[in-house]
């Protein structure tokens, strides 16, 4: 997972850095979520977690123009995303 503040502050490139780079920066946090419990609304505050899965634009670049990251940031800054603390991003 990536903390909300890291997603909002990752402005040094148009898209989120590669997973390996996020690991080097110390931006990844291991969190264990029991999915059946989460689907039932037990054991995790679902409003605090944003799951993002997306199609890569090209085989070598998931978000070359930064459109997807901009949409995620916009959601985090909106009323609907104001409680999100953690982002799981499908690299």
C-alpha atoms as a PDB file:
ATOM      1  CA  UNK A   1       0.000   0.000   0.000  1.00  0.00           C
ATOM      2  CA  UNK A   2       1.025   3.590  -0.548  1.00  0.00           C
ATOM      3  CA  UNK A   3       0.068   6.208   2.013  1.00  0.00           C
ATOM      4  CA  UNK A   4      -2.267   8.907   0.735  1.00  0.00           C
ATOM      5  CA  UNK A   5       0.284  11.664   1.358  1.00  0.00           C
ATOM      6  CA  UNK A   6       2.858   9.916  -0.850  1.00  0.00           C
ATOM      7  CA  UNK A   7       0.395   9.666  -3.740  1.00  0.00           C
ATOM      8  CA  UNK A   8      -0.443  13.340  -3.391  1.00  0.00           C
ATOM      9  CA  UNK A   9       3.210  14.383  -3.133  1.00  0.00           C
ATOM     10  CA  UNK A  10       4.586  12.267  -6.008  1.00  0.00           C
ATOM     11  CA  UNK A  11       4.942  15.204  -8.370  1.00  0.00           C
ATOM     12  CA  UNK A  12       8.454  14.537  -9.654  1.00  0.00           C
ATOM     13  CA  UNK A  13       7.140  12.546 -12.633  1.00  0.00           C
ATOM     14  CA  UNK A  14       3.803  12.302 -14.463  1.00  0.00           C
ATOM     15  CA  UNK A  15       2.861   8.862 -13.120  1.00  0.00           C
ATOM     16  CA  UNK A  16       3.585   6.984  -9.931  1.00  0.00           C
ATOM     17  CA  UNK A  17       7.115   5.637  -9.769  1.00  0.00           C
ATOM     18  CA  UNK A  18       7.732   1.968 -10.443  1.00  0.00           C
ATOM     19  CA  UNK A  19       7.128  -0.392  -7.543  1.00  0.00           C
ATOM     20  CA  UNK A  20      10.885  -0.947  -7.181  1.00  0.00           C
ATOM     21  CA  UNK A  21      11.427   2.817  -6.871  1.00  0.00           C
ATOM     22  CA  UNK A  22       8.634   3.126  -4.314  1.00  0.00           C
ATOM     23  CA  UNK A  23      10.325   0.378  -2.285  1.00  0.00           C
ATOM     24  CA  UNK A  24      13.665   2.232  -2.433  1.00  0.00           C
ATOM     25  CA  UNK A  25      11.983   5.433  -1.247  1.00  0.00           C
ATOM     26  CA  UNK A  26      10.395   3.528   1.647  1.00  0.00           C
ATOM     27  CA  UNK A  27       6.913   4.467   0.444  1.00  0.00           C
ATOM     28  CA  UNK A  28       5.367   0.997   0.497  1.00  0.00           C
ATOM     29  CA  UNK A  29       3.656  -0.335   3.599  1.00  0.00           C
ATOM     30  CA  UNK A  30       2.616  -3.938   4.067  1.00  0.00           C
ATOM     31  CA  UNK A  31      -0.976  -4.198   5.212  1.00  0.00           C
ATOM     32  CA  UNK A  32      -2.908  -7.429   5.473  1.00  0.00           C
ATOM     33  CA  UNK A  33      -6.570  -7.238   4.612  1.00  0.00           C
ATOM     34  CA  UNK A  34      -8.861 -10.239   4.843  1.00  0.00           C
ATOM     35  CA  UNK A  35     -10.826  -9.760   1.617  1.00  0.00           C
ATOM     36  CA  UNK A  36     -13.916 -11.814   2.596  1.00  0.00           C
ATOM     37  CA  UNK A  37     -14.175  -9.731   5.781  1.00  0.00           C
ATOM     38  CA  UNK A  38     -13.622  -6.519   3.839  1.00  0.00           C
ATOM     39  CA  UNK A  39     -16.354  -7.442   1.359  1.00  0.00           C
ATOM     40  CA  UNK A  40     -18.710  -7.936   4.309  1.00  0.00           C
ATOM     41  CA  UNK A  41     -17.559  -4.652   5.860  1.00  0.00           C
ATOM     42  CA  UNK A  42     -15.858  -6.357   8.814  1.00  0.00           C
ATOM     43  CA  UNK A  43     -12.296  -5.980  10.029  1.00  0.00           C
ATOM     44  CA  UNK A  44     -11.290  -3.035   7.853  1.00  0.00           C
ATOM     45  CA  UNK A  45     -12.619   0.463   7.393  1.00  0.00           C
ATOM     46  CA  UNK A  46     -13.316   0.305   3.659  1.00  0.00           C
ATOM     47  CA  UNK A  47     -13.515   4.096   3.441  1.00  0.00           C
ATOM     48  CA  UNK A  48      -9.809   4.291   4.380  1.00  0.00           C
ATOM     49  CA  UNK A  49      -8.596   2.101   1.494  1.00  0.00           C
ATOM     50  CA  UNK A  50      -8.658   2.802  -2.239  1.00  0.00           C
ATOM     51  CA  UNK A  51      -8.003  -0.118  -4.588  1.00  0.00           C
ATOM     52  CA  UNK A  52      -6.870   0.882  -8.081  1.00  0.00           C
ATOM     53  CA  UNK A  53      -6.580  -1.538 -10.972  1.00  0.00           C
ATOM     54  CA  UNK A  54      -6.142  -0.169 -14.452  1.00  0.00           C
ATOM     55  CA  UNK A  55      -5.123  -1.018 -17.980  1.00  0.00           C
ATOM     56  CA  UNK A  56      -1.609  -0.041 -19.016  1.00  0.00           C
ATOM     57  CA  UNK A  57      -1.501   2.405 -21.929  1.00  0.00           C
ATOM     58  CA  UNK A  58       1.441   0.593 -23.538  1.00  0.00           C
ATOM     59  CA  UNK A  59       3.435  -2.530 -22.587  1.00  0.00           C
ATOM     60  CA  UNK A  60       6.225  -0.308 -21.221  1.00  0.00           C
ATOM     61  CA  UNK A  61       4.220   2.498 -19.609  1.00  0.00           C
ATOM     62  CA  UNK A  62       1.102   2.269 -17.465  1.00  0.00           C
ATOM     63  CA  UNK A  63       0.323   5.994 -17.424  1.00  0.00           C
ATOM     64  CA  UNK A  64       2.660   7.927 -19.730  1.00  0.00           C
ATOM     65  CA  UNK A  65       0.678  11.192 -19.639  1.00  0.00           C
ATOM     66  CA  UNK A  66      -0.235  11.019 -15.949  1.00  0.00           C
ATOM     67  CA  UNK A  67      -3.987  10.969 -16.619  1.00  0.00           C
ATOM     68  CA  UNK A  68      -4.625   8.028 -14.309  1.00  0.00           C
ATOM     69  CA  UNK A  69      -2.564   9.492 -11.462  1.00  0.00           C
ATOM     70  CA  UNK A  70      -4.352  12.821 -11.901  1.00  0.00           C
ATOM     71  CA  UNK A  71      -7.707  11.035 -11.577  1.00  0.00           C
ATOM     72  CA  UNK A  72      -6.545   9.248  -8.412  1.00  0.00           C
ATOM     73  CA  UNK A  73      -5.301  12.518  -6.913  1.00  0.00           C
ATOM     74  CA  UNK A  74      -8.576  14.247  -7.806  1.00  0.00           C
ATOM     75  CA  UNK A  75     -10.502  11.467  -6.065  1.00  0.00           C
ATOM     76  CA  UNK A  76      -8.307  11.699  -2.955  1.00  0.00           C
ATOM     77  CA  UNK A  77      -8.940  15.452  -2.795  1.00  0.00           C
ATOM     78  CA  UNK A  78     -12.699  15.104  -3.301  1.00  0.00           C
ATOM     79  CA  UNK A  79     -15.361  14.652  -0.635  1.00  0.00           C
ATOM     80  CA  UNK A  80     -15.688  10.995  -1.677  1.00  0.00           C
ATOM     81  CA  UNK A  81     -11.974  10.357  -1.112  1.00  0.00           C
ATOM     82  CA  UNK A  82     -11.298  12.519   1.910  1.00  0.00           C
ATOM     83  CA  UNK A  83     -11.187   9.541   4.316  1.00  0.00           C
ATOM     84  CA  UNK A  84      -8.819   7.422   2.203  1.00  0.00           C
ATOM     85  CA  UNK A  85      -5.525   6.786   4.019  1.00  0.00           C
ATOM     86  CA  UNK A  86      -4.099   3.944   1.923  1.00  0.00           C
ATOM     87  CA  UNK A  87      -3.935   3.301  -1.827  1.00  0.00           C
ATOM     88  CA  UNK A  88      -3.357  -0.155  -3.311  1.00  0.00           C
ATOM     89  CA  UNK A  89      -2.161   0.407  -6.838  1.00  0.00           C
ATOM     90  CA  UNK A  90      -2.008  -2.383  -9.409  1.00  0.00           C
ATOM     91  CA  UNK A  91       1.363  -1.959 -11.057  1.00  0.00           C
END
